[in-house]
Amino acid sequence: MTMLAVGWPSRWSVIWPKRDMTKARTLLIMRDAAAISIVGLFLFPIFWWGLNSIKPVSALFDKDRIVFFDFEPSFINYWVTFSGDGPGVYDARQAIADTLIVALGSTALVVAIGLFAAYALSRLSFRTKRLYIGLTIFQRFTPPIAIIIPIVSIFHTIGLFDTHVGLILMHTVMNLPIAILMLKSFFDEIPAEIDDAAMIDGASRVMILFRICMPLIKGGIAATAVLCFIFSWTEFLMALFITNTIYTLPVKLSIVGTMTSGFSSALGTVAMFPTLIFIFFVQKHLMRGLTLGMQKDA
C-alpha cells in the first residue's frame, strides 16, 4: 500500500502534463483557425473586387454561374480607367491627381501643426490643459454630417467652396485631433530630463523640438502622416458636399460604381494600394500610437 501510495503522484505527474499540453495545443489551433477565418471573411470582398477588375465582360456578367478562376484575365478595365482611352466618365486620372493634391496638402498641414500642439501638451503645464485635450477628443468624435450644412454655407461665403484649398483645410481640421493625440503619445515616451538637460545647455524649446525630439520619434511622425493621408485619401462626405467640379477618388467611385462594375473594381483596387502599402511599412508605430494616444493624461 505504501509503495502504491507513493507511486501515484509520480504516475499522475507524467500523465497530466501531457493532457495539458494536448489541450493547450488544441486551443492554440482553434484560436489560429478562428483568426484566419475572421481575416479571410474581411479580406474576401477585397479579393473579389480585385478578381472582378481583371475579368472580361463575359465572365463578369455570366448569368448561369459564378465565375471564380475559369476565365482569361483582361486588363482592359485598368487601361480604360487610367489611360483615358474610352468614355470620359471612366477616366480617373484627374480624380487621382485631385485626391493626391488634397491628401498630401492636408497631411503636411496636419503634421506641421500637430507637432507643435502635441509637444506643448506633452511638455508644458497650463491650467486648461485637460480641457483642451477633452475638446480635442470631442472634436474627433463629432460626426462630420452634423456640421456639413454650416460648413457649406461658410465656404460659400468666404470663397473656398469647390476649391482644393477649401478641401485641404477641411481635411486638416478633421484629422488634426487624431494627429495631436498620436504625436503626444510619442512625445510622452521621451524622458523630460532630456529637455531639461538641453535647456541647461542653452537650447530653446524650438531647438529641442526640431533637433532632439523629432529625430527620436521619426517612426511616430511617419505613422501619423500615413494615418492622416489614408483618412484624407478615403474621405467621402466633405469631398462630396463642398465641391462640384473636383472629384476625389471616393466620389469618382460612387459615380462609376453605378455604371459598370469592371471599371469600378479596377479603380477601387488601385485606390486601395497606397493605404495597404503605407500601413504595411509603419504598422508597428501605427498600432503603438493608436493604443497609447489616450492613455497618458495631462
C-alpha atoms as a PDB file:
ATOM      1  CA  MET A   1       0.000   0.000   0.000  1.00  0.00           C
ATOM      2  CA  THR A   2       2.790   2.343   0.856  1.00  0.00           C
ATOM      3  CA  MET A   3       4.507   1.748  -2.456  1.00  0.00           C
ATOM      4  CA  LEU A   4       1.195   2.221  -4.285  1.00  0.00           C
ATOM      5  CA  ALA A   5       0.529   5.468  -2.470  1.00  0.00           C
ATOM      6  CA  VAL A   6       3.989   6.707  -3.248  1.00  0.00           C
ATOM      7  CA  GLY A   7       3.717   5.663  -6.890  1.00  0.00           C
ATOM      8  CA  TRP A   8       0.501   7.569  -7.667  1.00  0.00           C
ATOM      9  CA  PRO A   9       1.924  11.113  -7.604  1.00  0.00           C
ATOM     10  CA  SER A  10       4.757  10.255  -9.946  1.00  0.00           C
ATOM     11  CA  ARG A  11       2.347   8.489 -12.297  1.00  0.00           C
ATOM     12  CA  TRP A  12      -0.100  11.434 -12.412  1.00  0.00           C
ATOM     13  CA  SER A  13       2.749  13.886 -12.840  1.00  0.00           C
ATOM     14  CA  VAL A  14       3.582  12.118 -16.081  1.00  0.00           C
ATOM     15  CA  ILE A  15       0.004  11.799 -17.379  1.00  0.00           C
ATOM     16  CA  TRP A  16      -1.481  15.249 -16.635  1.00  0.00           C
ATOM     17  CA  PRO A  17       1.240  17.409 -18.218  1.00  0.00           C
ATOM     18  CA  LYS A  18       0.738  15.556 -21.499  1.00  0.00           C
ATOM     19  CA  ARG A  19      -3.002  16.103 -21.263  1.00  0.00           C
ATOM     20  CA  ASP A  20      -2.467  19.790 -20.516  1.00  0.00           C
ATOM     21  CA  MET A  21      -0.076  20.152 -23.441  1.00  0.00           C
ATOM     22  CA  THR A  22      -2.584  18.494 -25.763  1.00  0.00           C
ATOM     23  CA  LYS A  23      -5.347  20.792 -24.532  1.00  0.00           C
ATOM     24  CA  ALA A  24      -3.148  23.867 -24.954  1.00  0.00           C
ATOM     25  CA  ARG A  25      -2.189  22.797 -28.471  1.00  0.00           C
ATOM     26  CA  THR A  26      -5.848  22.252 -29.372  1.00  0.00           C
ATOM     27  CA  LEU A  27      -6.800  25.686 -28.053  1.00  0.00           C
ATOM     28  CA  LEU A  28      -3.928  27.231 -29.997  1.00  0.00           C
ATOM     29  CA  ILE A  29      -5.058  25.547 -33.227  1.00  0.00           C
ATOM     30  CA  MET A  30      -8.653  26.667 -32.632  1.00  0.00           C
ATOM     31  CA  ARG A  31      -7.523  30.233 -31.967  1.00  0.00           C
ATOM     32  CA  ASP A  32      -5.429  30.348 -35.126  1.00  0.00           C
ATOM     33  CA  ALA A  33      -8.265  28.857 -37.174  1.00  0.00           C
ATOM     34  CA  ALA A  34     -10.716  31.427 -35.814  1.00  0.00           C
ATOM     35  CA  ALA A  35      -8.272  34.272 -36.530  1.00  0.00           C
ATOM     36  CA  ILE A  36      -7.671  33.074 -40.086  1.00  0.00           C
ATOM     37  CA  SER A  37     -11.423  32.718 -40.671  1.00  0.00           C
ATOM     38  CA  ILE A  38     -12.151  36.232 -39.439  1.00  0.00           C
ATOM     39  CA  VAL A  39      -9.331  37.748 -41.503  1.00  0.00           C
ATOM     40  CA  GLY A  40     -10.464  35.786 -44.542  1.00  0.00           C
ATOM     41  CA  LEU A  41     -14.020  36.985 -44.047  1.00  0.00           C
ATOM     42  CA  PHE A  42     -12.890  40.625 -44.116  1.00  0.00           C
ATOM     43  CA  LEU A  43     -10.406  40.165 -46.960  1.00  0.00           C
ATOM     44  CA  PHE A  44     -12.731  38.244 -49.267  1.00  0.00           C
ATOM     45  CA  PRO A  45     -14.584  41.356 -50.564  1.00  0.00           C
ATOM     46  CA  ILE A  46     -11.215  42.948 -51.383  1.00  0.00           C
ATOM     47  CA  PHE A  47     -10.088  39.759 -53.126  1.00  0.00           C
ATOM     48  CA  TRP A  48     -13.371  39.580 -55.063  1.00  0.00           C
ATOM     49  CA  TRP A  49     -13.063  43.222 -56.076  1.00  0.00           C
ATOM     50  CA  GLY A  50      -9.561  42.655 -57.392  1.00  0.00           C
ATOM     51  CA  LEU A  51     -10.662  39.496 -59.190  1.00  0.00           C
ATOM     52  CA  ASN A  52     -13.546  41.323 -60.884  1.00  0.00           C
ATOM     53  CA  SER A  53     -11.167  44.018 -62.101  1.00  0.00           C
ATOM     54  CA  ILE A  54      -9.389  41.541 -64.419  1.00  0.00           C
ATOM     55  CA  LYS A  55     -12.446  39.596 -65.569  1.00  0.00           C
ATOM     56  CA  PRO A  56     -13.721  40.018 -69.142  1.00  0.00           C
ATOM     57  CA  VAL A  57     -17.294  41.153 -69.562  1.00  0.00           C
ATOM     58  CA  SER A  58     -18.453  37.629 -70.433  1.00  0.00           C
ATOM     59  CA  ALA A  59     -17.206  36.279 -67.089  1.00  0.00           C
ATOM     60  CA  LEU A  60     -18.313  39.313 -65.135  1.00  0.00           C
ATOM     61  CA  PHE A  61     -21.937  39.126 -66.251  1.00  0.00           C
ATOM     62  CA  ASP A  62     -22.330  35.375 -66.657  1.00  0.00           C
ATOM     63  CA  LYS A  63     -25.933  34.725 -65.564  1.00  0.00           C
ATOM     64  CA  ASP A  64     -25.603  30.934 -65.417  1.00  0.00           C
ATOM     65  CA  ARG A  65     -22.779  30.592 -62.890  1.00  0.00           C
ATOM     66  CA  ILE A  66     -20.396  32.482 -60.642  1.00  0.00           C
ATOM     67  CA  VAL A  67     -17.004  32.638 -62.334  1.00  0.00           C
ATOM     68  CA  PHE A  68     -14.045  32.380 -59.996  1.00  0.00           C
ATOM     69  CA  PHE A  69     -10.893  31.440 -61.931  1.00  0.00           C
ATOM     70  CA  ASP A  70     -12.236  29.924 -65.147  1.00  0.00           C
ATOM     71  CA  PHE A  71     -11.541  32.928 -67.370  1.00  0.00           C
ATOM     72  CA  GLU A  72      -8.748  34.591 -69.317  1.00  0.00           C
ATOM     73  CA  PRO A  73      -7.515  37.689 -67.428  1.00  0.00           C
ATOM     74  CA  SER A  74      -8.009  41.021 -69.152  1.00  0.00           C
ATOM     75  CA  PHE A  75      -6.609  44.411 -68.137  1.00  0.00           C
ATOM     76  CA  ILE A  76      -8.918  46.444 -70.336  1.00  0.00           C
ATOM     77  CA  ASN A  77     -10.663  47.869 -67.260  1.00  0.00           C
ATOM     78  CA  TYR A  78      -7.385  49.310 -65.974  1.00  0.00           C
ATOM     79  CA  TRP A  79      -6.462  50.615 -69.411  1.00  0.00           C
ATOM     80  CA  VAL A  80      -9.764  52.455 -69.908  1.00  0.00           C
ATOM     81  CA  THR A  81      -9.766  53.814 -66.357  1.00  0.00           C
ATOM     82  CA  PHE A  82      -6.199  55.118 -66.261  1.00  0.00           C
ATOM     83  CA  SER A  83      -5.401  55.946 -69.880  1.00  0.00           C
ATOM     84  CA  GLY A  84      -8.481  57.987 -70.771  1.00  0.00           C
ATOM     85  CA  ASP A  85      -8.948  55.813 -73.876  1.00  0.00           C
ATOM     86  CA  GLY A  86     -12.697  55.446 -73.502  1.00  0.00           C
ATOM     87  CA  PRO A  87     -15.773  57.320 -72.276  1.00  0.00           C
ATOM     88  CA  GLY A  88     -14.804  60.360 -70.224  1.00  0.00           C
ATOM     89  CA  VAL A  89     -16.761  59.245 -67.188  1.00  0.00           C
ATOM     90  CA  TYR A  90     -14.361  56.306 -66.766  1.00  0.00           C
ATOM     91  CA  ASP A  91     -11.197  58.452 -66.968  1.00  0.00           C
ATOM     92  CA  ALA A  92      -9.880  58.583 -63.400  1.00  0.00           C
ATOM     93  CA  ARG A  93      -6.613  60.469 -63.983  1.00  0.00           C
ATOM     94  CA  GLN A  94      -7.951  63.833 -62.820  1.00  0.00           C
ATOM     95  CA  ALA A  95      -9.612  62.234 -59.802  1.00  0.00           C
ATOM     96  CA  ILE A  96      -6.312  60.642 -58.768  1.00  0.00           C
ATOM     97  CA  ALA A  97      -4.495  63.966 -59.200  1.00  0.00           C
ATOM     98  CA  ASP A  98      -7.113  65.855 -57.155  1.00  0.00           C
ATOM     99  CA  THR A  99      -7.025  63.232 -54.404  1.00  0.00           C
ATOM    100  CA  LEU A 100      -3.222  63.350 -54.239  1.00  0.00           C
ATOM    101  CA  ILE A 101      -3.218  67.161 -54.008  1.00  0.00           C
ATOM    102  CA  VAL A 102      -5.772  67.182 -51.198  1.00  0.00           C
ATOM    103  CA  ALA A 103      -4.297  64.228 -49.282  1.00  0.00           C
ATOM    104  CA  LEU A 104      -0.688  65.415 -49.455  1.00  0.00           C
ATOM    105  CA  GLY A 105      -1.583  69.029 -48.694  1.00  0.00           C
ATOM    106  CA  SER A 106      -3.756  68.209 -45.697  1.00  0.00           C
ATOM    107  CA  THR A 107      -1.220  65.684 -44.363  1.00  0.00           C
ATOM    108  CA  ALA A 108       1.581  68.236 -44.495  1.00  0.00           C
ATOM    109  CA  LEU A 109      -0.542  70.815 -42.657  1.00  0.00           C
ATOM    110  CA  VAL A 110      -1.747  68.330 -40.056  1.00  0.00           C
ATOM    111  CA  VAL A 111       1.755  67.096 -39.218  1.00  0.00           C
ATOM    112  CA  ALA A 112       3.206  70.622 -39.102  1.00  0.00           C
ATOM    113  CA  ILE A 113       0.509  71.946 -36.754  1.00  0.00           C
ATOM    114  CA  GLY A 114       0.181  68.707 -34.792  1.00  0.00           C
ATOM    115  CA  LEU A 115       3.886  68.593 -33.894  1.00  0.00           C
ATOM    116  CA  PHE A 116       3.762  71.949 -32.111  1.00  0.00           C
ATOM    117  CA  ALA A 117       0.442  71.225 -30.399  1.00  0.00           C
ATOM    118  CA  ALA A 118       1.456  67.731 -29.293  1.00  0.00           C
ATOM    119  CA  TYR A 119       4.814  68.900 -27.953  1.00  0.00           C
ATOM    120  CA  ALA A 120       3.129  71.666 -25.965  1.00  0.00           C
ATOM    121  CA  LEU A 121       0.586  69.249 -24.483  1.00  0.00           C
ATOM    122  CA  SER A 122       3.314  66.765 -23.611  1.00  0.00           C
ATOM    123  CA  ARG A 123       5.840  69.143 -22.067  1.00  0.00           C
ATOM    124  CA  LEU A 124       4.077  72.307 -20.892  1.00  0.00           C
ATOM    125  CA  SER A 125       1.737  72.698 -17.920  1.00  0.00           C
ATOM    126  CA  PHE A 126      -1.132  75.186 -18.067  1.00  0.00           C
ATOM    127  CA  ARG A 127      -4.490  75.497 -16.366  1.00  0.00           C
ATOM    128  CA  THR A 128      -6.762  74.470 -19.240  1.00  0.00           C
ATOM    129  CA  LYS A 129      -4.631  71.581 -20.467  1.00  0.00           C
ATOM    130  CA  ARG A 130      -7.089  68.824 -19.571  1.00  0.00           C
ATOM    131  CA  LEU A 131      -9.964  70.834 -21.016  1.00  0.00           C
ATOM    132  CA  TYR A 132      -8.069  71.282 -24.283  1.00  0.00           C
ATOM    133  CA  ILE A 133      -7.366  67.540 -24.552  1.00  0.00           C
ATOM    134  CA  GLY A 134     -11.024  66.792 -23.848  1.00  0.00           C
ATOM    135  CA  LEU A 135     -12.180  69.235 -26.520  1.00  0.00           C
ATOM    136  CA  THR A 136      -9.701  67.706 -28.973  1.00  0.00           C
ATOM    137  CA  ILE A 137     -11.133  64.242 -28.383  1.00  0.00           C
ATOM    138  CA  PHE A 138     -14.699  65.607 -28.610  1.00  0.00           C
ATOM    139  CA  GLN A 139     -13.955  67.248 -31.947  1.00  0.00           C
ATOM    140  CA  ARG A 140     -12.680  63.936 -33.300  1.00  0.00           C
ATOM    141  CA  PHE A 141     -15.816  62.129 -32.175  1.00  0.00           C
ATOM    142  CA  THR A 142     -18.166  64.705 -33.722  1.00  0.00           C
ATOM    143  CA  PRO A 143     -19.718  63.228 -36.897  1.00  0.00           C
ATOM    144  CA  PRO A 144     -18.995  65.339 -39.997  1.00  0.00           C
ATOM    145  CA  ILE A 145     -22.631  65.126 -41.119  1.00  0.00           C
ATOM    146  CA  ALA A 146     -23.604  67.189 -38.056  1.00  0.00           C
ATOM    147  CA  ILE A 147     -21.658  70.234 -39.304  1.00  0.00           C
ATOM    148  CA  ILE A 148     -21.940  69.817 -43.054  1.00  0.00           C
ATOM    149  CA  ILE A 149     -24.646  72.481 -43.591  1.00  0.00           C
ATOM    150  CA  PRO A 150     -22.861  75.339 -41.754  1.00  0.00           C
ATOM    151  CA  ILE A 151     -19.559  74.325 -43.371  1.00  0.00           C
ATOM    152  CA  VAL A 152     -21.040  74.570 -46.868  1.00  0.00           C
ATOM    153  CA  SER A 153     -22.573  77.946 -46.033  1.00  0.00           C
ATOM    154  CA  ILE A 154     -19.309  79.310 -44.606  1.00  0.00           C
ATOM    155  CA  PHE A 155     -17.244  78.062 -47.543  1.00  0.00           C
ATOM    156  CA  HIS A 156     -19.664  79.703 -49.998  1.00  0.00           C
ATOM    157  CA  THR A 157     -19.332  82.986 -48.096  1.00  0.00           C
ATOM    158  CA  ILE A 158     -15.520  83.070 -47.896  1.00  0.00           C
ATOM    159  CA  GLY A 159     -14.968  81.750 -51.429  1.00  0.00           C
ATOM    160  CA  LEU A 160     -13.493  78.345 -50.573  1.00  0.00           C
ATOM    161  CA  PHE A 161     -16.337  76.262 -51.974  1.00  0.00           C
ATOM    162  CA  ASP A 162     -15.269  73.888 -54.779  1.00  0.00           C
ATOM    163  CA  THR A 163     -11.547  74.605 -54.304  1.00  0.00           C
ATOM    164  CA  HIS A 164      -8.574  72.437 -53.428  1.00  0.00           C
ATOM    165  CA  VAL A 165      -7.646  74.846 -50.638  1.00  0.00           C
ATOM    166  CA  GLY A 166     -11.060  74.524 -49.017  1.00  0.00           C
ATOM    167  CA  LEU A 167     -10.988  70.741 -49.110  1.00  0.00           C
ATOM    168  CA  ILE A 168      -7.418  70.673 -47.769  1.00  0.00           C
ATOM    169  CA  LEU A 169      -8.377  72.927 -44.852  1.00  0.00           C
ATOM    170  CA  MET A 170     -11.450  70.822 -44.095  1.00  0.00           C
ATOM    171  CA  HIS A 171      -9.461  67.585 -44.072  1.00  0.00           C
ATOM    172  CA  THR A 172      -6.857  69.274 -41.888  1.00  0.00           C
ATOM    173  CA  VAL A 173      -9.477  70.207 -39.301  1.00  0.00           C
ATOM    174  CA  MET A 174     -10.884  66.674 -39.358  1.00  0.00           C
ATOM    175  CA  ASN A 175      -7.524  64.884 -38.993  1.00  0.00           C
ATOM    176  CA  LEU A 176      -5.781  67.255 -36.591  1.00  0.00           C
ATOM    177  CA  PRO A 177      -7.215  65.770 -33.334  1.00  0.00           C
ATOM    178  CA  ILE A 178      -6.026  62.223 -34.017  1.00  0.00           C
ATOM    179  CA  ALA A 179      -2.626  63.556 -35.112  1.00  0.00           C
ATOM    180  CA  ILE A 180      -2.242  65.575 -31.910  1.00  0.00           C
ATOM    181  CA  LEU A 181      -3.168  62.611 -29.716  1.00  0.00           C
ATOM    182  CA  MET A 182      -0.864  60.221 -31.548  1.00  0.00           C
ATOM    183  CA  LEU A 183       2.110  62.570 -31.597  1.00  0.00           C
ATOM    184  CA  LYS A 184       1.584  63.406 -27.928  1.00  0.00           C
ATOM    185  CA  SER A 185       1.844  59.716 -27.080  1.00  0.00           C
ATOM    186  CA  PHE A 186       5.216  59.526 -28.828  1.00  0.00           C
ATOM    187  CA  PHE A 187       6.486  62.703 -27.146  1.00  0.00           C
ATOM    188  CA  ASP A 188       5.408  61.296 -23.776  1.00  0.00           C
ATOM    189  CA  GLU A 189       7.771  58.352 -24.285  1.00  0.00           C
ATOM    190  CA  ILE A 190      10.777  60.704 -24.402  1.00  0.00           C
ATOM    191  CA  PRO A 191      12.045  61.439 -20.855  1.00  0.00           C
ATOM    192  CA  ALA A 192      11.522  65.063 -19.863  1.00  0.00           C
ATOM    193  CA  GLU A 193      15.028  65.079 -18.378  1.00  0.00           C
ATOM    194  CA  ILE A 194      16.425  65.252 -21.918  1.00  0.00           C
ATOM    195  CA  ASP A 195      14.631  68.575 -22.431  1.00  0.00           C
ATOM    196  CA  ASP A 196      15.858  69.881 -19.068  1.00  0.00           C
ATOM    197  CA  ALA A 197      19.464  68.988 -19.887  1.00  0.00           C
ATOM    198  CA  ALA A 198      19.235  70.672 -23.281  1.00  0.00           C
ATOM    199  CA  MET A 199      17.716  73.831 -21.759  1.00  0.00           C
ATOM    200  CA  ILE A 200      20.587  73.987 -19.237  1.00  0.00           C
ATOM    201  CA  ASP A 201      22.961  73.996 -22.211  1.00  0.00           C
ATOM    202  CA  GLY A 202      21.045  76.954 -23.672  1.00  0.00           C
ATOM    203  CA  ALA A 203      18.690  75.265 -26.123  1.00  0.00           C
ATOM    204  CA  SER A 204      15.264  76.772 -26.705  1.00  0.00           C
ATOM    205  CA  ARG A 205      12.022  74.845 -26.880  1.00  0.00           C
ATOM    206  CA  VAL A 206      12.010  75.102 -30.665  1.00  0.00           C
ATOM    207  CA  MET A 207      15.569  73.770 -30.896  1.00  0.00           C
ATOM    208  CA  ILE A 208      14.695  70.889 -28.576  1.00  0.00           C
ATOM    209  CA  LEU A 209      11.661  70.043 -30.691  1.00  0.00           C
ATOM    210  CA  PHE A 210      13.458  70.042 -34.037  1.00  0.00           C
ATOM    211  CA  ARG A 211      16.927  68.806 -33.087  1.00  0.00           C
ATOM    212  CA  ILE A 212      16.245  66.347 -30.271  1.00  0.00           C
ATOM    213  CA  CYS A 213      12.626  65.187 -30.066  1.00  0.00           C
ATOM    214  CA  MET A 214      11.703  64.922 -33.732  1.00  0.00           C
ATOM    215  CA  PRO A 215      14.664  62.672 -34.664  1.00  0.00           C
ATOM    216  CA  LEU A 216      13.699  60.378 -31.784  1.00  0.00           C
ATOM    217  CA  ILE A 217      10.114  59.931 -32.972  1.00  0.00           C
ATOM    218  CA  LYS A 218      10.660  59.702 -36.724  1.00  0.00           C
ATOM    219  CA  GLY A 219       8.687  56.452 -36.845  1.00  0.00           C
ATOM    220  CA  GLY A 220       5.805  58.022 -34.946  1.00  0.00           C
ATOM    221  CA  ILE A 221       5.720  61.026 -37.262  1.00  0.00           C
ATOM    222  CA  ALA A 222       5.676  58.710 -40.280  1.00  0.00           C
ATOM    223  CA  ALA A 223       2.858  56.632 -38.787  1.00  0.00           C
ATOM    224  CA  THR A 224       0.825  59.754 -38.021  1.00  0.00           C
ATOM    225  CA  ALA A 225       1.368  61.115 -41.518  1.00  0.00           C
ATOM    226  CA  VAL A 226       0.323  57.807 -43.081  1.00  0.00           C
ATOM    227  CA  LEU A 227      -2.841  57.622 -40.987  1.00  0.00           C
ATOM    228  CA  CYS A 228      -3.828  61.195 -41.859  1.00  0.00           C
ATOM    229  CA  PHE A 229      -3.048  60.549 -45.531  1.00  0.00           C
ATOM    230  CA  ILE A 230      -5.314  57.485 -45.507  1.00  0.00           C
ATOM    231  CA  PHE A 231      -8.139  59.384 -43.811  1.00  0.00           C
ATOM    232  CA  SER A 232      -7.912  62.131 -46.419  1.00  0.00           C
ATOM    233  CA  TRP A 233      -7.474  59.675 -49.296  1.00  0.00           C
ATOM    234  CA  THR A 234     -10.665  57.818 -48.360  1.00  0.00           C
ATOM    235  CA  GLU A 235     -12.826  60.719 -47.089  1.00  0.00           C
ATOM    236  CA  PHE A 236     -16.113  60.943 -48.970  1.00  0.00           C
ATOM    237  CA  LEU A 237     -18.687  63.163 -47.253  1.00  0.00           C
ATOM    238  CA  MET A 238     -16.886  66.521 -47.254  1.00  0.00           C
ATOM    239  CA  ALA A 239     -15.459  65.915 -50.716  1.00  0.00           C
ATOM    240  CA  LEU A 240     -18.990  65.340 -51.968  1.00  0.00           C
ATOM    241  CA  PHE A 241     -20.690  68.331 -50.335  1.00  0.00           C
ATOM    242  CA  ILE A 242     -18.132  71.147 -50.563  1.00  0.00           C
ATOM    243  CA  THR A 243     -17.091  70.528 -54.191  1.00  0.00           C
ATOM    244  CA  ASN A 244     -18.924  70.488 -57.513  1.00  0.00           C
ATOM    245  CA  THR A 245     -16.212  70.025 -60.119  1.00  0.00           C
ATOM    246  CA  ILE A 246     -13.456  68.423 -58.005  1.00  0.00           C
ATOM    247  CA  TYR A 247     -13.964  64.675 -57.836  1.00  0.00           C
ATOM    248  CA  THR A 248     -11.755  62.804 -55.393  1.00  0.00           C
ATOM    249  CA  LEU A 249     -11.431  59.034 -55.731  1.00  0.00           C
ATOM    250  CA  PRO A 250     -14.260  58.132 -53.309  1.00  0.00           C
ATOM    251  CA  VAL A 251     -16.620  60.497 -55.136  1.00  0.00           C
ATOM    252  CA  LYS A 252     -15.464  59.187 -58.511  1.00  0.00           C
ATOM    253  CA  LEU A 253     -16.040  55.627 -57.319  1.00  0.00           C
ATOM    254  CA  SER A 254     -19.588  56.480 -56.273  1.00  0.00           C
ATOM    255  CA  ILE A 255     -20.271  57.680 -59.821  1.00  0.00           C
ATOM    256  CA  VAL A 256     -18.517  54.917 -61.771  1.00  0.00           C
ATOM    257  CA  GLY A 257     -19.769  52.217 -59.406  1.00  0.00           C
ATOM    258  CA  THR A 258     -23.353  52.761 -60.524  1.00  0.00           C
ATOM    259  CA  MET A 259     -22.485  52.112 -64.163  1.00  0.00           C
ATOM    260  CA  THR A 260     -20.136  49.185 -64.792  1.00  0.00           C
ATOM    261  CA  SER A 261     -18.633  47.082 -62.027  1.00  0.00           C
ATOM    262  CA  GLY A 262     -15.497  46.179 -64.019  1.00  0.00           C
ATOM    263  CA  PHE A 263     -14.291  49.763 -64.203  1.00  0.00           C
ATOM    264  CA  SER A 264     -15.224  50.499 -60.601  1.00  0.00           C
ATOM    265  CA  SER A 265     -13.380  47.353 -59.477  1.00  0.00           C
ATOM    266  CA  ALA A 266     -10.234  48.448 -61.299  1.00  0.00           C
ATOM    267  CA  LEU A 267     -10.415  51.948 -59.863  1.00  0.00           C
ATOM    268  CA  GLY A 268     -11.184  50.688 -56.364  1.00  0.00           C
ATOM    269  CA  THR A 269      -8.349  48.158 -56.433  1.00  0.00           C
ATOM    270  CA  VAL A 270      -5.781  50.780 -57.375  1.00  0.00           C
ATOM    271  CA  ALA A 271      -7.236  53.201 -54.817  1.00  0.00           C
ATOM    272  CA  MET A 272      -6.521  50.653 -52.077  1.00  0.00           C
ATOM    273  CA  PHE A 273      -2.851  50.133 -52.989  1.00  0.00           C
ATOM    274  CA  PRO A 274      -1.408  53.247 -51.262  1.00  0.00           C
ATOM    275  CA  THR A 275      -3.193  52.530 -47.987  1.00  0.00           C
ATOM    276  CA  LEU A 276      -2.133  48.884 -47.899  1.00  0.00           C
ATOM    277  CA  ILE A 277       1.493  49.677 -48.732  1.00  0.00           C
ATOM    278  CA  PHE A 278       1.799  52.522 -46.221  1.00  0.00           C
ATOM    279  CA  ILE A 279       0.173  50.554 -43.412  1.00  0.00           C
ATOM    280  CA  PHE A 280       2.480  47.590 -44.075  1.00  0.00           C
ATOM    281  CA  PHE A 281       5.607  49.705 -43.580  1.00  0.00           C
ATOM    282  CA  VAL A 282       4.518  51.653 -40.472  1.00  0.00           C
ATOM    283  CA  GLN A 283       2.130  49.198 -38.795  1.00  0.00           C
ATOM    284  CA  LYS A 284       4.287  48.823 -35.662  1.00  0.00           C
ATOM    285  CA  HIS A 285       4.415  52.569 -34.965  1.00  0.00           C
ATOM    286  CA  LEU A 286       0.798  52.980 -36.028  1.00  0.00           C
ATOM    287  CA  MET A 287      -0.523  50.441 -33.544  1.00  0.00           C
ATOM    288  CA  ARG A 288       1.619  51.835 -30.742  1.00  0.00           C
ATOM    289  CA  GLY A 289       0.386  55.362 -31.374  1.00  0.00           C
ATOM    290  CA  LEU A 290      -3.261  54.316 -31.514  1.00  0.00           C
ATOM    291  CA  THR A 291      -3.048  52.320 -28.284  1.00  0.00           C
ATOM    292  CA  LEU A 292      -1.108  54.923 -26.316  1.00  0.00           C
ATOM    293  CA  GLY A 293      -2.717  58.064 -27.678  1.00  0.00           C
ATOM    294  CA  MET A 294      -5.340  58.349 -24.948  1.00  0.00           C
ATOM    295  CA  GLN A 295      -3.746  56.511 -22.043  1.00  0.00           C
ATOM    296  CA  LYS A 296      -1.469  59.248 -20.799  1.00  0.00           C
ATOM    297  CA  ASP A 297      -3.094  62.131 -19.037  1.00  0.00           C
ATOM    298  CA  ALA A 298      -2.168  65.706 -18.912  1.00  0.00           C
END
